[in-house]
């Protein structure tokens, strides 16, 4: 993710997360917050933590892919026929 790129959420995902933020505040803090407050907090979290989470997901995917390719390489060697 390049600097300045923003993580964009679908409307459905944003709505779901907004509800989860509102539920969190009600259940854990006993506070009812509105959609605007939940959206502001969600935007803050996406802007501040989102890039780190995104980059970690890329690292995890890269690690998984690298190991899968190593497994595939060894599988190819087991399929080879001797001359």
PDB file of N, CA and C in Angstrom:
ATOM      1  N   UNK A   1       0.851  -1.168   0.000  1.00  0.00           N
ATOM      2  CA  UNK A   1       0.000   0.000   0.000  1.00  0.00           C
ATOM      3  C   UNK A   1       0.898   1.232   0.000  1.00  0.00           C
ATOM      4  N   UNK A   2       0.682   2.078  -0.960  1.00  0.00           N
ATOM      5  CA  UNK A   2       1.487   3.290  -1.061  1.00  0.00           C
ATOM      6  C   UNK A   2       0.971   4.345  -0.092  1.00  0.00           C
ATOM      7  N   UNK A   3       1.892   5.201   0.339  1.00  0.00           N
ATOM      8  CA  UNK A   3       1.489   6.281   1.234  1.00  0.00           C
ATOM      9  C   UNK A   3       0.440   7.131   0.538  1.00  0.00           C
ATOM     10  N   UNK A   4      -0.584   7.479   1.254  1.00  0.00           N
ATOM     11  CA  UNK A   4      -1.663   8.276   0.695  1.00  0.00           C
ATOM     12  C   UNK A   4      -2.824   7.438   0.195  1.00  0.00           C
ATOM     13  N   UNK A   5      -2.582   6.134  -0.045  1.00  0.00           N
ATOM     14  CA  UNK A   5      -3.679   5.257  -0.422  1.00  0.00           C
ATOM     15  C   UNK A   5      -4.565   5.035   0.793  1.00  0.00           C
ATOM     16  N   UNK A   6      -5.849   5.078   0.583  1.00  0.00           N
ATOM     17  CA  UNK A   6      -6.781   4.856   1.672  1.00  0.00           C
ATOM     18  C   UNK A   6      -7.420   3.483   1.510  1.00  0.00           C
ATOM     19  N   UNK A   7      -7.654   2.838   2.619  1.00  0.00           N
ATOM     20  CA  UNK A   7      -8.377   1.569   2.600  1.00  0.00           C
ATOM     21  C   UNK A   7      -9.844   1.906   2.424  1.00  0.00           C
ATOM     22  N   UNK A   8     -10.449   1.313   1.425  1.00  0.00           N
ATOM     23  CA  UNK A   8     -11.846   1.585   1.140  1.00  0.00           C
ATOM     24  C   UNK A   8     -12.674   0.359   1.503  1.00  0.00           C
ATOM     25  N   UNK A   9     -13.800   0.590   2.127  1.00  0.00           N
ATOM     26  CA  UNK A   9     -14.703  -0.481   2.522  1.00  0.00           C
ATOM     27  C   UNK A   9     -15.978  -0.396   1.685  1.00  0.00           C
ATOM     28  N   UNK A  10     -16.550  -1.554   1.412  1.00  0.00           N
ATOM     29  CA  UNK A  10     -17.843  -1.553   0.730  1.00  0.00           C
ATOM     30  C   UNK A  10     -18.888  -0.975   1.688  1.00  0.00           C
ATOM     31  N   UNK A  11     -19.997  -0.531   1.139  1.00  0.00           N
ATOM     32  CA  UNK A  11     -21.070   0.012   1.979  1.00  0.00           C
ATOM     33  C   UNK A  11     -21.552  -1.026   2.984  1.00  0.00           C
ATOM     34  N   UNK A  12     -21.651  -2.273   2.541  1.00  0.00           N
ATOM     35  CA  UNK A  12     -22.122  -3.341   3.425  1.00  0.00           C
ATOM     36  C   UNK A  12     -21.147  -3.572   4.579  1.00  0.00           C
ATOM     37  N   UNK A  13     -19.854  -3.581   4.271  1.00  0.00           N
ATOM     38  CA  UNK A  13     -18.846  -3.786   5.310  1.00  0.00           C
ATOM     39  C   UNK A  13     -18.836  -2.617   6.282  1.00  0.00           C
ATOM     40  N   UNK A  14     -18.907  -1.393   5.755  1.00  0.00           N
ATOM     41  CA  UNK A  14     -18.919  -0.212   6.619  1.00  0.00           C
ATOM     42  C   UNK A  14     -20.125  -0.249   7.544  1.00  0.00           C
ATOM     43  N   UNK A  15     -21.283  -0.615   7.019  1.00  0.00           N
ATOM     44  CA  UNK A  15     -22.496  -0.678   7.832  1.00  0.00           C
ATOM     45  C   UNK A  15     -22.358  -1.722   8.940  1.00  0.00           C
ATOM     46  N   UNK A  16     -21.792  -2.883   8.591  1.00  0.00           N
ATOM     47  CA  UNK A  16     -21.588  -3.946   9.578  1.00  0.00           C
ATOM     48  C   UNK A  16     -20.629  -3.483  10.670  1.00  0.00           C
ATOM     49  N   UNK A  17     -19.510  -2.887  10.276  1.00  0.00           N
ATOM     50  CA  UNK A  17     -18.530  -2.421  11.251  1.00  0.00           C
ATOM     51  C   UNK A  17     -19.075  -1.283  12.104  1.00  0.00           C
ATOM     52  N   UNK A  18     -19.870  -0.412  11.511  1.00  0.00           N
ATOM     53  CA  UNK A  18     -20.494   0.670  12.265  1.00  0.00           C
ATOM     54  C   UNK A  18     -21.358   0.076  13.383  1.00  0.00           C
ATOM     55  N   UNK A  19     -22.127  -0.942  13.039  1.00  0.00           N
ATOM     56  CA  UNK A  19     -22.954  -1.606  14.043  1.00  0.00           C
ATOM     57  C   UNK A  19     -22.124  -2.255  15.131  1.00  0.00           C
ATOM     58  N   UNK A  20     -20.985  -2.832  14.753  1.00  0.00           N
ATOM     59  CA  UNK A  20     -20.117  -3.470  15.737  1.00  0.00           C
ATOM     60  C   UNK A  20     -19.481  -2.442  16.674  1.00  0.00           C
ATOM     61  N   UNK A  21     -19.103  -1.298  16.135  1.00  0.00           N
ATOM     62  CA  UNK A  21     -18.555  -0.230  16.975  1.00  0.00           C
ATOM     63  C   UNK A  21     -19.615   0.245  17.963  1.00  0.00           C
ATOM     64  N   UNK A  22     -20.824   0.460  17.483  1.00  0.00           N
ATOM     65  CA  UNK A  22     -21.904   0.918  18.357  1.00  0.00           C
ATOM     66  C   UNK A  22     -22.201  -0.122  19.435  1.00  0.00           C
ATOM     67  N   UNK A  23     -22.211  -1.396  19.058  1.00  0.00           N
ATOM     68  CA  UNK A  23     -22.448  -2.473  20.034  1.00  0.00           C
ATOM     69  C   UNK A  23     -21.331  -2.533  21.062  1.00  0.00           C
ATOM     70  N   UNK A  24     -20.087  -2.360  20.607  1.00  0.00           N
ATOM     71  CA  UNK A  24     -18.955  -2.372  21.528  1.00  0.00           C
ATOM     72  C   UNK A  24     -19.115  -1.293  22.596  1.00  0.00           C
ATOM     73  N   UNK A  25     -19.435  -0.091  22.172  1.00  0.00           N
ATOM     74  CA  UNK A  25     -19.584   1.004  23.132  1.00  0.00           C
ATOM     75  C   UNK A  25     -20.723   0.739  24.101  1.00  0.00           C
ATOM     76  N   UNK A  26     -21.812   0.193  23.614  1.00  0.00           N
ATOM     77  CA  UNK A  26     -22.954  -0.071  24.481  1.00  0.00           C
ATOM     78  C   UNK A  26     -22.626  -1.182  25.481  1.00  0.00           C
ATOM     79  N   UNK A  27     -22.025  -2.266  25.007  1.00  0.00           N
ATOM     80  CA  UNK A  27     -21.753  -3.414  25.866  1.00  0.00           C
ATOM     81  C   UNK A  27     -20.590  -3.170  26.828  1.00  0.00           C
ATOM     82  N   UNK A  28     -19.560  -2.462  26.393  1.00  0.00           N
ATOM     83  CA  UNK A  28     -18.357  -2.320  27.197  1.00  0.00           C
ATOM     84  C   UNK A  28     -18.262  -1.003  27.966  1.00  0.00           C
ATOM     85  N   UNK A  29     -18.974  -0.017  27.490  1.00  0.00           N
ATOM     86  CA  UNK A  29     -18.879   1.286  28.148  1.00  0.00           C
ATOM     87  C   UNK A  29     -20.231   1.800  28.609  1.00  0.00           C
ATOM     88  N   UNK A  30     -21.295   1.092  28.237  1.00  0.00           N
ATOM     89  CA  UNK A  30     -22.632   1.530  28.628  1.00  0.00           C
ATOM     90  C   UNK A  30     -23.044   2.821  27.949  1.00  0.00           C
ATOM     91  N   UNK A  31     -22.437   3.119  26.808  1.00  0.00           N
ATOM     92  CA  UNK A  31     -22.723   4.360  26.081  1.00  0.00           C
ATOM     93  C   UNK A  31     -23.375   4.047  24.745  1.00  0.00           C
ATOM     94  N   UNK A  32     -24.419   4.791  24.440  1.00  0.00           N
ATOM     95  CA  UNK A  32     -24.995   4.701  23.105  1.00  0.00           C
ATOM     96  C   UNK A  32     -24.367   5.806  22.270  1.00  0.00           C
ATOM     97  N   UNK A  33     -23.802   5.409  21.131  1.00  0.00           N
ATOM     98  CA  UNK A  33     -23.244   6.417  20.232  1.00  0.00           C
ATOM     99  C   UNK A  33     -24.007   6.358  18.916  1.00  0.00           C
ATOM    100  N   UNK A  34     -23.995   7.452  18.206  1.00  0.00           N
ATOM    101  CA  UNK A  34     -24.712   7.527  16.945  1.00  0.00           C
ATOM    102  C   UNK A  34     -23.863   7.064  15.771  1.00  0.00           C
ATOM    103  N   UNK A  35     -24.486   7.044  14.614  1.00  0.00           N
ATOM    104  CA  UNK A  35     -23.793   6.623  13.395  1.00  0.00           C
ATOM    105  C   UNK A  35     -22.586   7.508  13.092  1.00  0.00           C
ATOM    106  N   UNK A  36     -22.732   8.818  13.277  1.00  0.00           N
ATOM    107  CA  UNK A  36     -21.630   9.733  12.972  1.00  0.00           C
ATOM    108  C   UNK A  36     -20.432   9.454  13.883  1.00  0.00           C
ATOM    109  N   UNK A  37     -20.686   9.283  15.171  1.00  0.00           N
ATOM    110  CA  UNK A  37     -19.587   8.990  16.093  1.00  0.00           C
ATOM    111  C   UNK A  37     -18.917   7.663  15.742  1.00  0.00           C
ATOM    112  N   UNK A  38     -19.732   6.659  15.418  1.00  0.00           N
ATOM    113  CA  UNK A  38     -19.170   5.353  15.054  1.00  0.00           C
ATOM    114  C   UNK A  38     -18.357   5.463  13.771  1.00  0.00           C
ATOM    115  N   UNK A  39     -18.851   6.216  12.801  1.00  0.00           N
ATOM    116  CA  UNK A  39     -18.114   6.398  11.543  1.00  0.00           C
ATOM    117  C   UNK A  39     -16.799   7.134  11.761  1.00  0.00           C
ATOM    118  N   UNK A  40     -16.809   8.149  12.615  1.00  0.00           N
ATOM    119  CA  UNK A  40     -15.577   8.886  12.897  1.00  0.00           C
ATOM    120  C   UNK A  40     -14.541   7.978  13.552  1.00  0.00           C
ATOM    121  N   UNK A  41     -14.963   7.157  14.504  1.00  0.00           N
ATOM    122  CA  UNK A  41     -14.037   6.240  15.148  1.00  0.00           C
ATOM    123  C   UNK A  41     -13.556   5.195  14.149  1.00  0.00           C
ATOM    124  N   UNK A  42     -14.453   4.676  13.340  1.00  0.00           N
ATOM    125  CA  UNK A  42     -14.088   3.687  12.329  1.00  0.00           C
ATOM    126  C   UNK A  42     -13.077   4.272  11.347  1.00  0.00           C
ATOM    127  N   UNK A  43     -13.302   5.487  10.887  1.00  0.00           N
ATOM    128  CA  UNK A  43     -12.353   6.146   9.979  1.00  0.00           C
ATOM    129  C   UNK A  43     -10.989   6.321  10.646  1.00  0.00           C
ATOM    130  N   UNK A  44     -10.992   6.725  11.917  1.00  0.00           N
ATOM    131  CA  UNK A  44      -9.732   6.893  12.645  1.00  0.00           C
ATOM    132  C   UNK A  44      -8.988   5.563  12.718  1.00  0.00           C
ATOM    133  N   UNK A  45      -9.699   4.492  13.070  1.00  0.00           N
ATOM    134  CA  UNK A  45      -9.060   3.183  13.185  1.00  0.00           C
ATOM    135  C   UNK A  45      -8.534   2.694  11.842  1.00  0.00           C
ATOM    136  N   UNK A  46      -9.296   2.903  10.793  1.00  0.00           N
ATOM    137  CA  UNK A  46      -8.857   2.491   9.460  1.00  0.00           C
ATOM    138  C   UNK A  46      -7.607   3.274   9.057  1.00  0.00           C
ATOM    139  N   UNK A  47      -7.623   4.578   9.293  1.00  0.00           N
ATOM    140  CA  UNK A  47      -6.482   5.415   8.905  1.00  0.00           C
ATOM    141  C   UNK A  47      -5.248   5.133   9.747  1.00  0.00           C
ATOM    142  N   UNK A  48      -5.431   4.865  11.038  1.00  0.00           N
ATOM    143  CA  UNK A  48      -4.267   4.694  11.912  1.00  0.00           C
ATOM    144  C   UNK A  48      -3.776   3.252  11.969  1.00  0.00           C
ATOM    145  N   UNK A  49      -4.669   2.293  12.095  1.00  0.00           N
ATOM    146  CA  UNK A  49      -4.258   0.894  12.230  1.00  0.00           C
ATOM    147  C   UNK A  49      -4.357   0.127  10.916  1.00  0.00           C
ATOM    148  N   UNK A  50      -5.177   0.594  10.013  1.00  0.00           N
ATOM    149  CA  UNK A  50      -5.413  -0.120   8.767  1.00  0.00           C
ATOM    150  C   UNK A  50      -4.163  -0.470   7.981  1.00  0.00           C
ATOM    151  N   UNK A  51      -3.259   0.480   7.737  1.00  0.00           N
ATOM    152  CA  UNK A  51      -2.060   0.148   6.961  1.00  0.00           C
ATOM    153  C   UNK A  51      -1.197  -0.932   7.623  1.00  0.00           C
ATOM    154  N   UNK A  52      -1.075  -0.901   8.942  1.00  0.00           N
ATOM    155  CA  UNK A  52      -0.282  -1.929   9.627  1.00  0.00           C
ATOM    156  C   UNK A  52      -0.938  -3.301   9.501  1.00  0.00           C
ATOM    157  N   UNK A  53      -2.254  -3.334   9.630  1.00  0.00           N
ATOM    158  CA  UNK A  53      -2.979  -4.603   9.486  1.00  0.00           C
ATOM    159  C   UNK A  53      -2.870  -5.110   8.053  1.00  0.00           C
ATOM    160  N   UNK A  54      -3.023  -4.220   7.097  1.00  0.00           N
ATOM    161  CA  UNK A  54      -2.907  -4.559   5.682  1.00  0.00           C
ATOM    162  C   UNK A  54      -1.516  -5.124   5.371  1.00  0.00           C
ATOM    163  N   UNK A  55      -0.474  -4.436   5.863  1.00  0.00           N
ATOM    164  CA  UNK A  55       0.889  -4.896   5.610  1.00  0.00           C
ATOM    165  C   UNK A  55       1.166  -6.239   6.259  1.00  0.00           C
ATOM    166  N   UNK A  56       0.624  -6.466   7.462  1.00  0.00           N
ATOM    167  CA  UNK A  56       0.808  -7.760   8.112  1.00  0.00           C
ATOM    168  C   UNK A  56       0.109  -8.860   7.324  1.00  0.00           C
ATOM    169  N   UNK A  57      -1.064  -8.557   6.790  1.00  0.00           N
ATOM    170  CA  UNK A  57      -1.779  -9.537   5.964  1.00  0.00           C
ATOM    171  C   UNK A  57      -0.959  -9.891   4.729  1.00  0.00           C
ATOM    172  N   UNK A  58      -0.309  -8.895   4.118  1.00  0.00           N
ATOM    173  CA  UNK A  58       0.553  -9.169   2.971  1.00  0.00           C
ATOM    174  C   UNK A  58       1.733 -10.046   3.370  1.00  0.00           C
ATOM    175  N   UNK A  59       2.336  -9.763   4.517  1.00  0.00           N
ATOM    176  CA  UNK A  59       3.452 -10.581   5.006  1.00  0.00           C
ATOM    177  C   UNK A  59       2.998 -12.018   5.252  1.00  0.00           C
ATOM    178  N   UNK A  60       1.837 -12.176   5.864  1.00  0.00           N
ATOM    179  CA  UNK A  60       1.308 -13.514   6.134  1.00  0.00           C
ATOM    180  C   UNK A  60       1.042 -14.266   4.831  1.00  0.00           C
ATOM    181  N   UNK A  61       0.453 -13.582   3.856  1.00  0.00           N
ATOM    182  CA  UNK A  61       0.178 -14.208   2.565  1.00  0.00           C
ATOM    183  C   UNK A  61       1.475 -14.575   1.852  1.00  0.00           C
ATOM    184  N   UNK A  62       2.465 -13.701   1.926  1.00  0.00           N
ATOM    185  CA  UNK A  62       3.750 -13.976   1.298  1.00  0.00           C
ATOM    186  C   UNK A  62       4.414 -15.188   1.934  1.00  0.00           C
ATOM    187  N   UNK A  63       4.387 -15.277   3.254  1.00  0.00           N
ATOM    188  CA  UNK A  63       4.957 -16.409   3.981  1.00  0.00           C
ATOM    189  C   UNK A  63       4.261 -17.706   3.555  1.00  0.00           C
ATOM    190  N   UNK A  64       2.916 -17.671   3.523  1.00  0.00           N
ATOM    191  CA  UNK A  64       2.144 -18.853   3.140  1.00  0.00           C
ATOM    192  C   UNK A  64       2.481 -19.257   1.707  1.00  0.00           C
ATOM    193  N   UNK A  65       2.502 -18.280   0.797  1.00  0.00           N
ATOM    194  CA  UNK A  65       2.754 -18.565  -0.611  1.00  0.00           C
ATOM    195  C   UNK A  65       4.155 -19.138  -0.804  1.00  0.00           C
ATOM    196  N   UNK A  66       5.139 -18.566  -0.121  1.00  0.00           N
ATOM    197  CA  UNK A  66       6.513 -19.049  -0.236  1.00  0.00           C
ATOM    198  C   UNK A  66       6.597 -20.514   0.174  1.00  0.00           C
ATOM    199  N   UNK A  67       5.956 -20.863   1.276  1.00  0.00           N
ATOM    200  CA  UNK A  67       6.003 -22.247   1.735  1.00  0.00           C
ATOM    201  C   UNK A  67       5.225 -23.187   0.816  1.00  0.00           C
ATOM    202  N   UNK A  68       4.147 -22.696   0.261  1.00  0.00           N
ATOM    203  CA  UNK A  68       3.386 -23.520  -0.700  1.00  0.00           C
ATOM    204  C   UNK A  68       4.238 -23.786  -1.944  1.00  0.00           C
ATOM    205  N   UNK A  69       4.993 -22.780  -2.398  1.00  0.00           N
ATOM    206  CA  UNK A  69       5.842 -22.959  -3.565  1.00  0.00           C
ATOM    207  C   UNK A  69       6.967 -23.947  -3.253  1.00  0.00           C
ATOM    208  N   UNK A  70       7.516 -23.896  -2.050  1.00  0.00           N
ATOM    209  CA  UNK A  70       8.536 -24.864  -1.663  1.00  0.00           C
ATOM    210  C   UNK A  70       7.963 -26.275  -1.651  1.00  0.00           C
ATOM    211  N   UNK A  71       6.748 -26.417  -1.151  1.00  0.00           N
ATOM    212  CA  UNK A  71       6.080 -27.725  -1.151  1.00  0.00           C
ATOM    213  C   UNK A  71       5.855 -28.202  -2.578  1.00  0.00           C
ATOM    214  N   UNK A  72       5.451 -27.289  -3.458  1.00  0.00           N
ATOM    215  CA  UNK A  72       5.184 -27.647  -4.845  1.00  0.00           C
ATOM    216  C   UNK A  72       6.474 -28.097  -5.530  1.00  0.00           C
ATOM    217  N   UNK A  73       7.568 -27.405  -5.248  1.00  0.00           N
ATOM    218  CA  UNK A  73       8.850 -27.768  -5.844  1.00  0.00           C
ATOM    219  C   UNK A  73       9.243 -29.184  -5.427  1.00  0.00           C
ATOM    220  N   UNK A  74       9.091 -29.494  -4.157  1.00  0.00           N
ATOM    221  CA  UNK A  74       9.444 -30.844  -3.712  1.00  0.00           C
ATOM    222  C   UNK A  74       8.481 -31.871  -4.299  1.00  0.00           C
ATOM    223  N   UNK A  75       7.223 -31.513  -4.480  1.00  0.00           N
ATOM    224  CA  UNK A  75       6.265 -32.425  -5.117  1.00  0.00           C
ATOM    225  C   UNK A  75       6.670 -32.724  -6.553  1.00  0.00           C
ATOM    226  N   UNK A  76       7.163 -31.709  -7.275  1.00  0.00           N
ATOM    227  CA  UNK A  76       7.626 -31.935  -8.644  1.00  0.00           C
ATOM    228  C   UNK A  76       8.790 -32.920  -8.681  1.00  0.00           C
ATOM    229  N   UNK A  77       9.702 -32.806  -7.739  1.00  0.00           N
ATOM    230  CA  UNK A  77      10.832 -33.727  -7.702  1.00  0.00           C
ATOM    231  C   UNK A  77      10.390 -35.159  -7.430  1.00  0.00           C
ATOM    232  N   UNK A  78       9.357 -35.338  -6.657  1.00  0.00           N
ATOM    233  CA  UNK A  78       8.878 -36.702  -6.383  1.00  0.00           C
ATOM    234  C   UNK A  78       8.191 -37.306  -7.614  1.00  0.00           C
ATOM    235  N   UNK A  79       7.746 -36.467  -8.526  1.00  0.00           N
ATOM    236  CA  UNK A  79       7.083 -36.960  -9.738  1.00  0.00           C
ATOM    237  C   UNK A  79       8.056 -37.296 -10.863  1.00  0.00           C
ATOM    238  N   UNK A  80       9.280 -36.851 -10.714  1.00  0.00           N
ATOM    239  CA  UNK A  80      10.260 -37.086 -11.791  1.00  0.00           C
ATOM    240  C   UNK A  80      10.517 -38.570 -11.982  1.00  0.00           C
ATOM    241  N   UNK A  81      10.698 -38.936 -13.207  1.00  0.00           N
ATOM    242  CA  UNK A  81      11.057 -40.318 -13.570  1.00  0.00           C
ATOM    243  C   UNK A  81      12.570 -40.383 -13.756  1.00  0.00           C
ATOM    244  N   UNK A  82      13.135 -41.453 -13.321  1.00  0.00           N
ATOM    245  CA  UNK A  82      14.581 -41.632 -13.501  1.00  0.00           C
ATOM    246  C   UNK A  82      14.848 -41.991 -14.960  1.00  0.00           C
ATOM    247  N   UNK A  83      15.937 -41.463 -15.485  1.00  0.00           N
ATOM    248  CA  UNK A  83      16.314 -41.740 -16.887  1.00  0.00           C
ATOM    249  C   UNK A  83      16.866 -43.139 -17.030  1.00  0.00           C
TER     250      UNK A  83
END
